[in-house]
Amino acid sequence: QVQLVESGGGLVQPGESLRLSCEASGFSLNGYGIIWHRQAPGSPRDWVASIGGTNLQKYVDSVKGRFTIIRDNAKNAVYLQMNSLKPEDSGVYYCEATRLRASYWGQGTQVTVSS
């Protein structure tokens, strides 16, 4: 069964860090592009960061220098290291694995940044 599972979300204060995990089962993430999306309440789902099949990383401007996307083929997982978190980083984070016409999504993990 093909599955993506996100984890690592939680409630943190501004300035703190979180590490989100996106773990795959039933298929190998090797060769897939991985995209992290974020959806805040009442807002559309937005792209936050991505890592391509060749490990080229891209970030939305608002997270550059604070977020890092990391691929670990040995663990069949991709991580999103989020540092210096801000309240506007809050939302449900989803990972998507995509290659050619295939696209798999996880169920999301909630991140809340609040004092």
C-alpha atoms as a PDB file:
ATOM      1  CA  GLN A   1       0.000   0.000   0.000  1.00  0.00           C
ATOM      2  CA  VAL A   2       1.410   3.340  -1.079  1.00  0.00           C
ATOM      3  CA  GLN A   3       1.417   5.783   1.781  1.00  0.00           C
ATOM      4  CA  LEU A   4       2.990   9.062   2.901  1.00  0.00           C
ATOM      5  CA  VAL A   5       2.864   9.946   6.555  1.00  0.00           C
ATOM      6  CA  GLU A   6       3.805  13.320   7.988  1.00  0.00           C
ATOM      7  CA  SER A   7       4.721  13.821  11.615  1.00  0.00           C
ATOM      8  CA  GLY A   8       6.556  16.207  13.880  1.00  0.00           C
ATOM      9  CA  GLY A   9       4.097  19.044  14.100  1.00  0.00           C
ATOM     10  CA  GLY A  10       3.119  20.679  17.340  1.00  0.00           C
ATOM     11  CA  LEU A  11       2.688  23.869  19.306  1.00  0.00           C
ATOM     12  CA  VAL A  12       5.809  25.974  19.704  1.00  0.00           C
ATOM     13  CA  GLN A  13       6.668  29.531  20.631  1.00  0.00           C
ATOM     14  CA  PRO A  14       8.040  32.068  18.150  1.00  0.00           C
ATOM     15  CA  GLY A  15      11.743  31.535  17.583  1.00  0.00           C
ATOM     16  CA  GLU A  16      11.662  27.839  18.313  1.00  0.00           C
ATOM     17  CA  SER A  17      12.268  24.966  15.905  1.00  0.00           C
ATOM     18  CA  LEU A  18      10.447  21.925  14.607  1.00  0.00           C
ATOM     19  CA  ARG A  19      11.471  19.095  12.335  1.00  0.00           C
ATOM     20  CA  LEU A  20       8.726  17.641  10.191  1.00  0.00           C
ATOM     21  CA  SER A  21       9.050  14.154   8.750  1.00  0.00           C
ATOM     22  CA  CYS A  22       7.510  12.731   5.603  1.00  0.00           C
ATOM     23  CA  GLU A  23       7.936   8.969   5.525  1.00  0.00           C
ATOM     24  CA  ALA A  24       6.976   6.782   2.607  1.00  0.00           C
ATOM     25  CA  SER A  25       5.876   3.189   2.538  1.00  0.00           C
ATOM     26  CA  GLY A  26       4.945   1.012  -0.388  1.00  0.00           C
ATOM     27  CA  PHE A  27       7.256   2.859  -2.761  1.00  0.00           C
ATOM     28  CA  SER A  28      10.700   4.472  -2.843  1.00  0.00           C
ATOM     29  CA  LEU A  29      11.037   8.248  -2.670  1.00  0.00           C
ATOM     30  CA  ASN A  30      14.242   8.006  -4.683  1.00  0.00           C
ATOM     31  CA  GLY A  31      13.676   9.870  -7.920  1.00  0.00           C
ATOM     32  CA  TYR A  32      10.550  11.615  -6.714  1.00  0.00           C
ATOM     33  CA  GLY A  33      10.298  15.327  -6.243  1.00  0.00           C
ATOM     34  CA  ILE A  34       9.056  16.154  -2.761  1.00  0.00           C
ATOM     35  CA  ILE A  35       7.040  19.263  -2.063  1.00  0.00           C
ATOM     36  CA  TRP A  36       6.039  20.612   1.334  1.00  0.00           C
ATOM     37  CA  HIS A  37       2.819  22.597   1.290  1.00  0.00           C
ATOM     38  CA  ARG A  38       1.223  24.669   4.031  1.00  0.00           C
ATOM     39  CA  GLN A  39      -2.423  25.525   4.533  1.00  0.00           C
ATOM     40  CA  ALA A  40      -3.473  28.108   7.074  1.00  0.00           C
ATOM     41  CA  PRO A  41      -7.128  28.399   8.165  1.00  0.00           C
ATOM     42  CA  GLY A  42      -9.171  30.139   5.490  1.00  0.00           C
ATOM     43  CA  SER A  43      -6.261  30.212   3.062  1.00  0.00           C
ATOM     44  CA  PRO A  44      -5.336  28.156   0.030  1.00  0.00           C
ATOM     45  CA  ARG A  45      -2.686  25.465   0.225  1.00  0.00           C
ATOM     46  CA  ASP A  46       0.653  27.067  -0.657  1.00  0.00           C
ATOM     47  CA  TRP A  47       3.962  25.638  -1.698  1.00  0.00           C
ATOM     48  CA  VAL A  48       6.676  26.145   0.930  1.00  0.00           C
ATOM     49  CA  ALA A  49       9.699  24.097  -0.086  1.00  0.00           C
ATOM     50  CA  SER A  50      10.680  21.419  -2.532  1.00  0.00           C
ATOM     51  CA  ILE A  51      13.518  19.074  -3.349  1.00  0.00           C
ATOM     52  CA  GLY A  52      13.824  17.614  -6.805  1.00  0.00           C
ATOM     53  CA  GLY A  53      14.931  14.221  -7.966  1.00  0.00           C
ATOM     54  CA  THR A  54      18.425  15.653  -8.342  1.00  0.00           C
ATOM     55  CA  ASN A  55      18.162  17.187  -4.842  1.00  0.00           C
ATOM     56  CA  LEU A  56      17.798  20.731  -6.103  1.00  0.00           C
ATOM     57  CA  GLN A  57      16.115  22.645  -3.270  1.00  0.00           C
ATOM     58  CA  LYS A  58      13.745  25.566  -3.604  1.00  0.00           C
ATOM     59  CA  TYR A  59      12.017  27.668  -0.967  1.00  0.00           C
ATOM     60  CA  VAL A  60       9.346  30.295  -0.857  1.00  0.00           C
ATOM     61  CA  ASP A  61      10.917  33.649   0.006  1.00  0.00           C
ATOM     62  CA  SER A  62       9.280  33.854   3.424  1.00  0.00           C
ATOM     63  CA  VAL A  63      11.138  30.771   4.710  1.00  0.00           C
ATOM     64  CA  LYS A  64      14.505  31.144   2.990  1.00  0.00           C
ATOM     65  CA  GLY A  65      17.327  30.938   5.511  1.00  0.00           C
ATOM     66  CA  ARG A  66      15.040  29.419   8.143  1.00  0.00           C
ATOM     67  CA  PHE A  67      13.747  26.186   6.612  1.00  0.00           C
ATOM     68  CA  THR A  68      15.792  23.352   5.157  1.00  0.00           C
ATOM     69  CA  ILE A  69      14.437  20.388   3.248  1.00  0.00           C
ATOM     70  CA  ILE A  70      16.466  17.223   3.667  1.00  0.00           C
ATOM     71  CA  ARG A  71      16.188  13.930   1.796  1.00  0.00           C
ATOM     72  CA  ASP A  72      17.275  10.660   3.434  1.00  0.00           C
ATOM     73  CA  ASN A  73      17.033   7.861   0.906  1.00  0.00           C
ATOM     74  CA  ALA A  74      18.235   5.277   3.440  1.00  0.00           C
ATOM     75  CA  LYS A  75      15.199   6.011   5.609  1.00  0.00           C
ATOM     76  CA  ASN A  76      12.909   6.619   2.639  1.00  0.00           C
ATOM     77  CA  ALA A  77      11.991   9.940   4.172  1.00  0.00           C
ATOM     78  CA  VAL A  78      12.177  13.669   3.639  1.00  0.00           C
ATOM     79  CA  TYR A  79      12.389  16.181   6.451  1.00  0.00           C
ATOM     80  CA  LEU A  80      11.602  19.849   6.794  1.00  0.00           C
ATOM     81  CA  GLN A  81      13.793  21.494   9.410  1.00  0.00           C
ATOM     82  CA  MET A  82      12.076  24.685  10.492  1.00  0.00           C
ATOM     83  CA  ASN A  83      14.034  27.161  12.579  1.00  0.00           C
ATOM     84  CA  SER A  84      13.196  30.599  13.935  1.00  0.00           C
ATOM     85  CA  LEU A  85       9.515  29.873  13.572  1.00  0.00           C
ATOM     86  CA  LYS A  86       7.057  32.731  13.269  1.00  0.00           C
ATOM     87  CA  PRO A  87       3.305  32.844  13.903  1.00  0.00           C
ATOM     88  CA  GLU A  88       2.729  33.169  10.156  1.00  0.00           C
ATOM     89  CA  ASP A  89       4.353  29.754   9.694  1.00  0.00           C
ATOM     90  CA  SER A  90       1.340  28.165  11.378  1.00  0.00           C
ATOM     91  CA  GLY A  91      -0.833  25.807   9.408  1.00  0.00           C
ATOM     92  CA  VAL A  92      -1.229  22.232   8.343  1.00  0.00           C
ATOM     93  CA  TYR A  93       1.859  20.998   6.523  1.00  0.00           C
ATOM     94  CA  TYR A  94       1.465  18.409   3.805  1.00  0.00           C
ATOM     95  CA  CYS A  95       4.109  16.573   1.853  1.00  0.00           C
ATOM     96  CA  GLU A  96       3.613  15.540  -1.735  1.00  0.00           C
ATOM     97  CA  ALA A  97       5.725  13.067  -3.688  1.00  0.00           C
ATOM     98  CA  THR A  98       5.529  13.589  -7.409  1.00  0.00           C
ATOM     99  CA  ARG A  99       7.111  12.040 -10.489  1.00  0.00           C
ATOM    100  CA  LEU A 100       5.779  12.239 -14.030  1.00  0.00           C
ATOM    101  CA  ARG A 101       2.019  11.749 -13.616  1.00  0.00           C
ATOM    102  CA  ALA A 102       2.195  10.170 -10.174  1.00  0.00           C
ATOM    103  CA  SER A 103       1.390  12.233  -7.088  1.00  0.00           C
ATOM    104  CA  TYR A 104       1.020  11.031  -3.541  1.00  0.00           C
ATOM    105  CA  TRP A 105      -0.042  13.103  -0.540  1.00  0.00           C
ATOM    106  CA  GLY A 106       0.138  12.651   3.169  1.00  0.00           C
ATOM    107  CA  GLN A 107      -2.597  13.501   5.645  1.00  0.00           C
ATOM    108  CA  GLY A 108      -0.864  16.570   7.038  1.00  0.00           C
ATOM    109  CA  THR A 109       0.594  17.610  10.362  1.00  0.00           C
ATOM    110  CA  GLN A 110      -0.430  20.700  12.314  1.00  0.00           C
ATOM    111  CA  VAL A 111       2.109  23.367  13.187  1.00  0.00           C
ATOM    112  CA  THR A 112       1.088  26.158  15.531  1.00  0.00           C
ATOM    113  CA  VAL A 113       3.464  28.950  16.408  1.00  0.00           C
ATOM    114  CA  SER A 114       2.101  31.071  19.209  1.00  0.00           C
ATOM    115  CA  SER A 115       3.205  32.755  22.386  1.00  0.00           C
END
